[in-house]
Amino acid sequence: MPITAVDSISPAIEHTKQQLFRRFSIAQWTKLAFVGLLAGELGSGGFSRSNFQIPAHPATIPHGPFPGPLGVDPALIAALVATAIVAGFAVGVILMYISSVMRFILFDSIVQRECHIRQSWSRRLGAGWRYFVWKLLYLVLSLAGIAIVIGIPVAFAFAKGWLRAPKEHLPP
């Protein structure tokens, strides 16, 4: 086992060569891709955001987004939006938990040179749970910090009346 960072370079290169070139298995790479996707390792995805917009011609746009009144109860729309927000939050928390466990499964798969999702899931459930709780607490504390840093000045500005006529409070 290497002791220093410099000593670990040669074994890492040899490990990479074995994984990439010596024994290629489509099943192995498919499993690794699935685990990597669920672990959140494809966060950037290689996609760049651009300012591409489809040009719109003013003559083809109707007067509003919908022609005429919708006839839908606003309370129903509010309930659907609230349900969608709660469902999205629940799916996000579930995916965060799966990502936490899959992170350890991905590490195991790379070190062992074989990907066994079912066996690794049961073996890494405890570590994944602890990592999930840490990520959840970090998210809650980060959001609370942002709410304090932004919320207190906004509440102060609202109490002073600066948000009612903001043009009057701009520096010259």
N, C-alpha and C. Protein backbone atom coordinates (compact mmCIF):
# COMPACT_ATOMS: atom_id res chain seq x y z
N MET A 1 0.84 -1.19 0.00
CA MET A 1 0.00 0.00 0.00
C MET A 1 0.88 1.24 0.00
N PRO A 2 0.65 2.20 -0.90
CA PRO A 2 1.46 3.42 -0.97
C PRO A 2 1.33 4.25 0.30
N ILE A 3 2.42 4.90 0.63
CA ILE A 3 2.43 5.71 1.84
C ILE A 3 2.28 7.20 1.50
N THR A 4 2.95 7.66 0.47
CA THR A 4 2.89 9.08 0.12
C THR A 4 2.04 9.28 -1.13
N ALA A 5 1.69 10.51 -1.38
CA ALA A 5 0.87 10.83 -2.56
C ALA A 5 1.64 10.54 -3.84
N VAL A 6 2.93 10.78 -3.84
CA VAL A 6 3.74 10.53 -5.03
C VAL A 6 3.83 9.04 -5.31
N ASP A 7 3.95 8.23 -4.26
CA ASP A 7 4.02 6.78 -4.43
C ASP A 7 2.72 6.17 -4.93
N SER A 8 1.61 6.87 -4.77
CA SER A 8 0.32 6.32 -5.19
C SER A 8 0.00 6.58 -6.66
N ILE A 9 0.83 7.36 -7.34
CA ILE A 9 0.54 7.69 -8.75
C ILE A 9 0.67 6.47 -9.64
N SER A 10 1.75 5.70 -9.50
CA SER A 10 1.95 4.52 -10.35
C SER A 10 0.86 3.47 -10.18
N PRO A 11 0.48 3.11 -8.93
CA PRO A 11 -0.63 2.15 -8.80
C PRO A 11 -1.96 2.69 -9.35
N ALA A 12 -2.17 3.99 -9.25
CA ALA A 12 -3.41 4.56 -9.79
C ALA A 12 -3.44 4.49 -11.30
N ILE A 13 -2.31 4.74 -11.94
CA ILE A 13 -2.24 4.64 -13.40
C ILE A 13 -2.44 3.20 -13.83
N GLU A 14 -1.84 2.26 -13.13
CA GLU A 14 -2.00 0.83 -13.46
C GLU A 14 -3.45 0.39 -13.27
N HIS A 15 -4.07 0.86 -12.20
CA HIS A 15 -5.48 0.54 -11.96
C HIS A 15 -6.36 1.08 -13.08
N THR A 16 -6.09 2.30 -13.51
CA THR A 16 -6.85 2.90 -14.60
C THR A 16 -6.68 2.13 -15.89
N LYS A 17 -5.46 1.71 -16.19
CA LYS A 17 -5.22 0.91 -17.40
C LYS A 17 -6.00 -0.39 -17.36
N GLN A 18 -6.00 -1.05 -16.21
CA GLN A 18 -6.74 -2.32 -16.08
C GLN A 18 -8.24 -2.10 -16.26
N GLN A 19 -8.74 -1.04 -15.69
CA GLN A 19 -10.18 -0.77 -15.80
C GLN A 19 -10.59 -0.40 -17.22
N LEU A 20 -9.77 0.39 -17.89
CA LEU A 20 -10.17 0.92 -19.18
C LEU A 20 -9.82 0.02 -20.36
N PHE A 21 -8.67 -0.64 -20.31
CA PHE A 21 -8.18 -1.28 -21.53
C PHE A 21 -8.07 -2.81 -21.47
N ARG A 22 -7.82 -3.39 -20.34
CA ARG A 22 -7.50 -4.82 -20.32
C ARG A 22 -8.72 -5.71 -20.42
N ARG A 23 -9.74 -5.46 -19.65
CA ARG A 23 -10.92 -6.33 -19.70
C ARG A 23 -12.17 -5.45 -19.82
N PHE A 24 -12.70 -5.37 -21.00
CA PHE A 24 -13.86 -4.53 -21.24
C PHE A 24 -15.13 -5.38 -21.12
N SER A 25 -16.05 -4.93 -20.28
CA SER A 25 -17.33 -5.62 -20.10
C SER A 25 -18.44 -4.58 -20.18
N ILE A 26 -19.31 -4.74 -21.17
CA ILE A 26 -20.40 -3.77 -21.33
C ILE A 26 -21.34 -3.76 -20.13
N ALA A 27 -21.55 -4.91 -19.50
CA ALA A 27 -22.41 -4.98 -18.32
C ALA A 27 -21.79 -4.20 -17.16
N GLN A 28 -20.50 -4.35 -16.99
CA GLN A 28 -19.79 -3.64 -15.93
C GLN A 28 -19.89 -2.13 -16.13
N TRP A 29 -19.66 -1.66 -17.35
CA TRP A 29 -19.70 -0.23 -17.62
C TRP A 29 -21.11 0.32 -17.55
N THR A 30 -22.10 -0.48 -17.89
CA THR A 30 -23.49 -0.04 -17.76
C THR A 30 -23.86 0.14 -16.29
N LYS A 31 -23.45 -0.82 -15.47
CA LYS A 31 -23.71 -0.70 -14.03
C LYS A 31 -23.00 0.51 -13.45
N LEU A 32 -21.73 0.70 -13.84
CA LEU A 32 -20.99 1.86 -13.33
C LEU A 32 -21.63 3.17 -13.77
N ALA A 33 -22.13 3.21 -15.00
CA ALA A 33 -22.80 4.42 -15.47
C ALA A 33 -24.07 4.69 -14.66
N PHE A 34 -24.83 3.64 -14.37
CA PHE A 34 -26.05 3.77 -13.59
C PHE A 34 -25.73 4.25 -12.17
N VAL A 35 -24.72 3.63 -11.55
CA VAL A 35 -24.33 4.02 -10.19
C VAL A 35 -23.80 5.46 -10.19
N GLY A 36 -23.00 5.81 -11.20
CA GLY A 36 -22.48 7.17 -11.28
C GLY A 36 -23.58 8.20 -11.46
N LEU A 37 -24.57 7.85 -12.26
CA LEU A 37 -25.71 8.76 -12.47
C LEU A 37 -26.47 8.97 -11.18
N LEU A 38 -26.77 7.88 -10.46
CA LEU A 38 -27.51 8.01 -9.21
C LEU A 38 -26.68 8.59 -8.08
N ALA A 39 -25.36 8.48 -8.19
CA ALA A 39 -24.49 9.06 -7.16
C ALA A 39 -24.35 10.57 -7.35
N GLY A 40 -24.81 11.08 -8.49
CA GLY A 40 -24.72 12.51 -8.72
C GLY A 40 -23.40 12.94 -9.29
N GLU A 41 -22.66 12.01 -9.85
CA GLU A 41 -21.35 12.34 -10.41
C GLU A 41 -21.45 13.01 -11.76
N LEU A 42 -22.64 13.07 -12.32
CA LEU A 42 -22.81 13.73 -13.62
C LEU A 42 -23.47 15.09 -13.42
N GLY A 43 -23.11 15.77 -12.34
CA GLY A 43 -23.75 17.03 -11.98
C GLY A 43 -23.72 18.09 -13.05
N SER A 44 -22.57 18.28 -13.67
CA SER A 44 -22.50 19.31 -14.70
C SER A 44 -23.08 18.80 -16.00
N GLY A 45 -22.91 17.52 -16.28
CA GLY A 45 -23.49 16.93 -17.46
C GLY A 45 -22.85 17.35 -18.76
N GLY A 46 -21.88 18.23 -18.72
CA GLY A 46 -21.23 18.66 -19.94
C GLY A 46 -22.07 19.64 -20.75
N PHE A 47 -23.18 20.05 -20.23
CA PHE A 47 -24.04 20.98 -20.95
C PHE A 47 -23.74 22.40 -20.48
N SER A 48 -23.69 23.31 -21.41
CA SER A 48 -23.49 24.70 -21.05
C SER A 48 -24.77 25.47 -21.34
N ARG A 49 -25.06 26.37 -20.46
CA ARG A 49 -26.25 27.19 -20.67
C ARG A 49 -25.92 28.29 -21.67
N SER A 50 -26.82 28.49 -22.58
CA SER A 50 -26.59 29.54 -23.56
C SER A 50 -27.77 30.49 -23.56
N ASN A 51 -27.62 31.56 -24.26
CA ASN A 51 -28.68 32.55 -24.36
C ASN A 51 -29.50 32.36 -25.61
N PHE A 52 -29.58 31.16 -26.11
CA PHE A 52 -30.34 30.89 -27.32
C PHE A 52 -31.83 31.06 -27.04
N GLN A 53 -32.47 31.85 -27.86
CA GLN A 53 -33.91 32.06 -27.74
C GLN A 53 -34.52 31.96 -29.12
N ILE A 54 -35.68 31.35 -29.18
CA ILE A 54 -36.39 31.25 -30.45
C ILE A 54 -37.01 32.60 -30.73
N PRO A 55 -36.73 33.18 -31.88
CA PRO A 55 -37.30 34.50 -32.17
C PRO A 55 -38.82 34.41 -32.33
N ALA A 56 -39.49 35.38 -31.77
CA ALA A 56 -40.95 35.42 -31.86
C ALA A 56 -41.34 36.64 -32.68
N HIS A 57 -42.32 36.45 -33.52
CA HIS A 57 -42.83 37.54 -34.33
C HIS A 57 -44.05 38.14 -33.62
N PRO A 58 -44.09 39.45 -33.44
CA PRO A 58 -45.19 40.06 -32.70
C PRO A 58 -46.55 39.78 -33.33
N ALA A 59 -46.62 39.57 -34.62
CA ALA A 59 -47.92 39.36 -35.26
C ALA A 59 -48.51 37.99 -34.92
N THR A 60 -47.68 37.01 -34.51
CA THR A 60 -48.19 35.67 -34.26
C THR A 60 -48.52 35.42 -32.79
N ILE A 61 -48.18 36.35 -31.89
CA ILE A 61 -48.46 36.15 -30.48
C ILE A 61 -49.87 36.64 -30.19
N PRO A 62 -50.72 35.82 -29.55
CA PRO A 62 -52.06 36.29 -29.19
C PRO A 62 -51.98 37.34 -28.08
N HIS A 63 -53.11 37.93 -27.77
CA HIS A 63 -53.15 39.02 -26.79
C HIS A 63 -52.73 38.57 -25.40
N GLY A 64 -52.96 37.35 -25.02
CA GLY A 64 -52.58 36.82 -23.72
C GLY A 64 -52.13 35.38 -23.88
N PRO A 65 -51.73 34.77 -22.78
CA PRO A 65 -51.29 33.39 -22.88
C PRO A 65 -52.42 32.43 -23.22
N PHE A 66 -53.65 32.77 -22.83
CA PHE A 66 -54.80 31.93 -23.13
C PHE A 66 -55.92 32.81 -23.71
N PRO A 67 -56.54 32.38 -24.77
CA PRO A 67 -57.62 33.20 -25.33
C PRO A 67 -58.88 33.08 -24.47
N GLY A 68 -59.24 34.15 -23.81
CA GLY A 68 -60.47 34.16 -23.02
C GLY A 68 -60.23 33.69 -21.60
N PRO A 69 -61.27 33.76 -20.76
CA PRO A 69 -61.14 33.34 -19.36
C PRO A 69 -61.01 31.82 -19.26
N LEU A 70 -60.25 31.38 -18.30
CA LEU A 70 -60.02 29.94 -18.12
C LEU A 70 -61.20 29.24 -17.46
N GLY A 71 -61.84 29.89 -16.57
CA GLY A 71 -62.94 29.27 -15.85
C GLY A 71 -62.46 28.25 -14.83
N VAL A 72 -61.23 28.38 -14.34
CA VAL A 72 -60.67 27.46 -13.36
C VAL A 72 -60.59 28.18 -12.02
N ASP A 73 -60.99 27.49 -10.98
CA ASP A 73 -60.97 28.06 -9.64
C ASP A 73 -59.52 28.32 -9.20
N PRO A 74 -59.20 29.53 -8.77
CA PRO A 74 -57.82 29.82 -8.33
C PRO A 74 -57.38 28.95 -7.15
N ALA A 75 -58.32 28.53 -6.30
CA ALA A 75 -57.96 27.66 -5.18
C ALA A 75 -57.49 26.30 -5.68
N LEU A 76 -58.09 25.82 -6.78
CA LEU A 76 -57.66 24.55 -7.36
C LEU A 76 -56.25 24.67 -7.93
N ILE A 77 -55.96 25.77 -8.59
CA ILE A 77 -54.62 26.00 -9.12
C ILE A 77 -53.61 26.09 -7.98
N ALA A 78 -53.96 26.80 -6.90
CA ALA A 78 -53.06 26.91 -5.75
C ALA A 78 -52.82 25.54 -5.11
N ALA A 79 -53.87 24.72 -5.01
CA ALA A 79 -53.71 23.38 -4.44
C ALA A 79 -52.82 22.51 -5.32
N LEU A 80 -52.98 22.62 -6.64
CA LEU A 80 -52.13 21.84 -7.55
C LEU A 80 -50.67 22.28 -7.47
N VAL A 81 -50.45 23.59 -7.38
CA VAL A 81 -49.08 24.09 -7.27
C VAL A 81 -48.47 23.64 -5.94
N ALA A 82 -49.22 23.73 -4.85
CA ALA A 82 -48.71 23.29 -3.55
C ALA A 82 -48.40 21.79 -3.55
N THR A 83 -49.27 21.00 -4.17
CA THR A 83 -49.03 19.56 -4.26
C THR A 83 -47.80 19.27 -5.09
N ALA A 84 -47.61 19.99 -6.18
CA ALA A 84 -46.42 19.79 -7.01
C ALA A 84 -45.15 20.17 -6.25
N ILE A 85 -45.19 21.22 -5.46
CA ILE A 85 -44.03 21.63 -4.68
C ILE A 85 -43.68 20.58 -3.62
N VAL A 86 -44.69 20.08 -2.90
CA VAL A 86 -44.45 19.06 -1.88
C VAL A 86 -43.94 17.77 -2.52
N ALA A 87 -44.53 17.37 -3.64
CA ALA A 87 -44.08 16.15 -4.33
C ALA A 87 -42.66 16.32 -4.85
N GLY A 88 -42.34 17.48 -5.39
CA GLY A 88 -40.97 17.74 -5.85
C GLY A 88 -39.97 17.70 -4.71
N PHE A 89 -40.35 18.25 -3.56
CA PHE A 89 -39.47 18.22 -2.40
C PHE A 89 -39.26 16.78 -1.93
N ALA A 90 -40.33 15.98 -1.89
CA ALA A 90 -40.22 14.58 -1.47
C ALA A 90 -39.34 13.78 -2.42
N VAL A 91 -39.52 13.97 -3.71
CA VAL A 91 -38.68 13.27 -4.70
C VAL A 91 -37.23 13.71 -4.55
N GLY A 92 -37.00 14.99 -4.31
CA GLY A 92 -35.64 15.48 -4.11
C GLY A 92 -34.96 14.86 -2.90
N VAL A 93 -35.69 14.72 -1.79
CA VAL A 93 -35.12 14.11 -0.59
C VAL A 93 -34.83 12.63 -0.83
N ILE A 94 -35.73 11.93 -1.52
CA ILE A 94 -35.50 10.51 -1.83
C ILE A 94 -34.28 10.35 -2.73
N LEU A 95 -34.16 11.19 -3.74
CA LEU A 95 -32.99 11.11 -4.62
C LEU A 95 -31.71 11.50 -3.89
N MET A 96 -31.79 12.39 -2.92
CA MET A 96 -30.62 12.74 -2.13
C MET A 96 -30.16 11.54 -1.30
N TYR A 97 -31.11 10.77 -0.76
CA TYR A 97 -30.76 9.57 0.01
C TYR A 97 -30.13 8.51 -0.90
N ILE A 98 -30.74 8.28 -2.06
CA ILE A 98 -30.19 7.30 -3.00
C ILE A 98 -28.80 7.73 -3.45
N SER A 99 -28.61 9.01 -3.69
CA SER A 99 -27.31 9.53 -4.09
C SER A 99 -26.26 9.32 -3.01
N SER A 100 -26.66 9.46 -1.75
CA SER A 100 -25.72 9.29 -0.65
C SER A 100 -25.21 7.86 -0.57
N VAL A 101 -26.10 6.89 -0.72
CA VAL A 101 -25.68 5.49 -0.67
C VAL A 101 -24.91 5.12 -1.93
N MET A 102 -25.36 5.60 -3.09
CA MET A 102 -24.69 5.26 -4.34
C MET A 102 -23.28 5.83 -4.42
N ARG A 103 -23.01 6.90 -3.72
CA ARG A 103 -21.65 7.44 -3.69
C ARG A 103 -20.68 6.40 -3.14
N PHE A 104 -21.07 5.73 -2.06
CA PHE A 104 -20.22 4.70 -1.47
C PHE A 104 -20.15 3.45 -2.36
N ILE A 105 -21.25 3.13 -3.02
CA ILE A 105 -21.25 1.99 -3.94
C ILE A 105 -20.29 2.26 -5.10
N LEU A 106 -20.26 3.48 -5.59
CA LEU A 106 -19.34 3.84 -6.67
C LEU A 106 -17.89 3.72 -6.21
N PHE A 107 -17.59 4.19 -5.00
CA PHE A 107 -16.23 4.05 -4.48
C PHE A 107 -15.84 2.58 -4.39
N ASP A 108 -16.73 1.74 -3.83
CA ASP A 108 -16.46 0.31 -3.72
C ASP A 108 -16.24 -0.32 -5.08
N SER A 109 -17.05 0.06 -6.05
CA SER A 109 -16.96 -0.53 -7.39
C SER A 109 -15.63 -0.20 -8.05
N ILE A 110 -15.15 1.00 -7.84
CA ILE A 110 -13.87 1.40 -8.44
C ILE A 110 -12.72 0.67 -7.75
N VAL A 111 -12.75 0.58 -6.44
CA VAL A 111 -11.66 -0.07 -5.72
C VAL A 111 -11.64 -1.57 -5.98
N GLN A 112 -12.81 -2.22 -6.00
CA GLN A 112 -12.89 -3.67 -6.20
C GLN A 112 -12.82 -4.08 -7.66
N ARG A 113 -12.94 -3.13 -8.55
CA ARG A 113 -12.92 -3.38 -10.00
C ARG A 113 -14.12 -4.20 -10.47
N GLU A 114 -15.15 -4.29 -9.66
CA GLU A 114 -16.40 -4.95 -10.02
C GLU A 114 -17.55 -4.19 -9.38
N CYS A 115 -18.65 -4.11 -10.09
CA CYS A 115 -19.81 -3.37 -9.59
C CYS A 115 -20.91 -4.35 -9.22
N HIS A 116 -21.20 -4.44 -7.93
CA HIS A 116 -22.29 -5.28 -7.42
C HIS A 116 -23.20 -4.38 -6.60
N ILE A 117 -24.27 -3.92 -7.22
CA ILE A 117 -25.12 -2.91 -6.59
C ILE A 117 -25.86 -3.47 -5.38
N ARG A 118 -26.47 -4.62 -5.52
CA ARG A 118 -27.30 -5.18 -4.44
C ARG A 118 -26.47 -5.48 -3.20
N GLN A 119 -25.32 -6.12 -3.36
CA GLN A 119 -24.50 -6.45 -2.20
C GLN A 119 -23.91 -5.18 -1.57
N SER A 120 -23.48 -4.25 -2.40
CA SER A 120 -22.90 -3.01 -1.87
C SER A 120 -23.95 -2.15 -1.19
N TRP A 121 -25.19 -2.20 -1.69
CA TRP A 121 -26.26 -1.40 -1.07
C TRP A 121 -26.46 -1.82 0.38
N SER A 122 -26.58 -3.11 0.63
CA SER A 122 -26.81 -3.57 2.00
C SER A 122 -25.59 -3.33 2.88
N ARG A 123 -24.38 -3.40 2.31
CA ARG A 123 -23.17 -3.21 3.08
C ARG A 123 -22.94 -1.73 3.40
N ARG A 124 -23.33 -0.82 2.52
CA ARG A 124 -23.05 0.61 2.69
C ARG A 124 -24.24 1.43 3.14
N LEU A 125 -25.30 0.78 3.59
CA LEU A 125 -26.51 1.49 4.00
C LEU A 125 -26.26 2.42 5.19
N GLY A 126 -25.48 1.96 6.18
CA GLY A 126 -25.21 2.78 7.36
C GLY A 126 -24.40 4.03 7.03
N ALA A 127 -23.34 3.85 6.27
CA ALA A 127 -22.51 4.99 5.89
C ALA A 127 -23.29 5.95 5.00
N GLY A 128 -24.11 5.40 4.10
CA GLY A 128 -24.94 6.24 3.24
C GLY A 128 -25.95 7.04 4.04
N TRP A 129 -26.54 6.43 5.05
CA TRP A 129 -27.52 7.12 5.90
C TRP A 129 -26.85 8.28 6.64
N ARG A 130 -25.67 8.03 7.21
CA ARG A 130 -24.96 9.10 7.93
C ARG A 130 -24.59 10.24 6.98
N TYR A 131 -24.16 9.92 5.77
CA TYR A 131 -23.83 10.95 4.80
C TYR A 131 -25.08 11.73 4.38
N PHE A 132 -26.20 11.03 4.22
CA PHE A 132 -27.47 11.68 3.89
C PHE A 132 -27.89 12.66 4.98
N VAL A 133 -27.80 12.23 6.23
CA VAL A 133 -28.18 13.12 7.34
C VAL A 133 -27.26 14.33 7.37
N TRP A 134 -25.95 14.14 7.12
CA TRP A 134 -25.02 15.25 7.08
C TRP A 134 -25.39 16.22 5.97
N LYS A 135 -25.68 15.70 4.77
CA LYS A 135 -26.05 16.57 3.65
C LYS A 135 -27.34 17.32 3.94
N LEU A 136 -28.30 16.65 4.57
CA LEU A 136 -29.58 17.29 4.90
C LEU A 136 -29.38 18.40 5.92
N LEU A 137 -28.59 18.14 6.97
CA LEU A 137 -28.31 19.17 7.96
C LEU A 137 -27.54 20.34 7.36
N TYR A 138 -26.59 20.03 6.49
CA TYR A 138 -25.83 21.09 5.82
C TYR A 138 -26.76 21.95 4.96
N LEU A 139 -27.69 21.32 4.25
CA LEU A 139 -28.64 22.06 3.43
C LEU A 139 -29.53 22.95 4.28
N VAL A 140 -30.04 22.41 5.38
CA VAL A 140 -30.93 23.19 6.25
C VAL A 140 -30.17 24.37 6.87
N LEU A 141 -28.95 24.12 7.34
CA LEU A 141 -28.17 25.21 7.94
C LEU A 141 -27.77 26.25 6.90
N SER A 142 -27.46 25.81 5.68
CA SER A 142 -27.13 26.77 4.62
C SER A 142 -28.32 27.64 4.27
N LEU A 143 -29.48 27.02 4.12
CA LEU A 143 -30.69 27.78 3.82
C LEU A 143 -31.05 28.72 4.96
N ALA A 144 -30.86 28.29 6.20
CA ALA A 144 -31.14 29.16 7.35
C ALA A 144 -30.17 30.34 7.36
N GLY A 145 -28.91 30.09 7.05
CA GLY A 145 -27.93 31.17 7.00
C GLY A 145 -28.25 32.17 5.90
N ILE A 146 -28.64 31.66 4.74
CA ILE A 146 -29.02 32.55 3.64
C ILE A 146 -30.26 33.35 4.01
N ALA A 147 -31.23 32.69 4.66
CA ALA A 147 -32.45 33.39 5.08
C ALA A 147 -32.13 34.50 6.08
N ILE A 148 -31.18 34.25 6.95
CA ILE A 148 -30.81 35.28 7.93
C ILE A 148 -30.07 36.43 7.24
N VAL A 149 -29.12 36.08 6.39
CA VAL A 149 -28.31 37.12 5.75
C VAL A 149 -29.15 37.98 4.81
N ILE A 150 -30.09 37.38 4.13
CA ILE A 150 -30.93 38.13 3.19
C ILE A 150 -32.22 38.61 3.87
N GLY A 151 -32.79 37.78 4.74
CA GLY A 151 -34.08 38.10 5.36
C GLY A 151 -34.06 39.28 6.29
N ILE A 152 -33.03 39.40 7.11
CA ILE A 152 -32.96 40.50 8.06
C ILE A 152 -32.87 41.85 7.35
N PRO A 153 -31.98 42.02 6.36
CA PRO A 153 -31.97 43.32 5.66
C PRO A 153 -33.27 43.61 4.90
N VAL A 154 -33.88 42.60 4.32
CA VAL A 154 -35.15 42.83 3.61
C VAL A 154 -36.25 43.20 4.59
N ALA A 155 -36.29 42.54 5.75
CA ALA A 155 -37.29 42.88 6.76
C ALA A 155 -37.06 44.30 7.29
N PHE A 156 -35.80 44.67 7.47
CA PHE A 156 -35.48 46.03 7.90
C PHE A 156 -35.91 47.05 6.85
N ALA A 157 -35.62 46.76 5.58
CA ALA A 157 -36.01 47.67 4.51
C ALA A 157 -37.53 47.78 4.41
N PHE A 158 -38.22 46.68 4.60
CA PHE A 158 -39.68 46.69 4.55
C PHE A 158 -40.25 47.50 5.72
N ALA A 159 -39.68 47.32 6.92
CA ALA A 159 -40.16 48.05 8.09
C ALA A 159 -39.92 49.55 7.96
N LYS A 160 -38.83 49.95 7.31
CA LYS A 160 -38.53 51.36 7.12
C LYS A 160 -39.33 51.97 5.97
N GLY A 161 -39.99 51.12 5.18
CA GLY A 161 -40.79 51.63 4.07
C GLY A 161 -40.00 51.82 2.79
N TRP A 162 -38.79 51.26 2.72
CA TRP A 162 -37.96 51.45 1.54
C TRP A 162 -38.47 50.65 0.33
N LEU A 163 -39.27 49.64 0.58
CA LEU A 163 -39.76 48.81 -0.52
C LEU A 163 -41.04 49.37 -1.15
N ARG A 164 -41.67 50.34 -0.52
CA ARG A 164 -42.90 50.91 -1.07
C ARG A 164 -42.60 51.83 -2.24
N ALA A 165 -41.60 52.67 -2.10
CA ALA A 165 -41.19 53.59 -3.17
C ALA A 165 -39.67 53.50 -3.29
N PRO A 166 -39.16 52.48 -3.95
CA PRO A 166 -37.71 52.27 -3.95
C PRO A 166 -36.92 53.36 -4.69
N LYS A 167 -37.53 54.05 -5.65
CA LYS A 167 -36.80 55.09 -6.39
C LYS A 167 -36.46 56.28 -5.51
N GLU A 168 -37.20 56.49 -4.45
CA GLU A 168 -36.94 57.60 -3.56
C GLU A 168 -35.72 57.34 -2.66
N HIS A 169 -35.31 56.07 -2.55
CA HIS A 169 -34.25 55.72 -1.62
C HIS A 169 -32.94 55.36 -2.34
N LEU A 170 -32.84 55.63 -3.61
CA LEU A 170 -31.60 55.37 -4.34
C LEU A 170 -30.62 56.49 -4.11
N PRO A 171 -29.33 56.16 -4.02
CA PRO A 171 -28.34 57.24 -3.89
C PRO A 171 -28.24 58.00 -5.21
N PRO A 172 -27.87 59.26 -5.14
CA PRO A 172 -27.82 60.06 -6.38
C PRO A 172 -26.75 59.59 -7.34
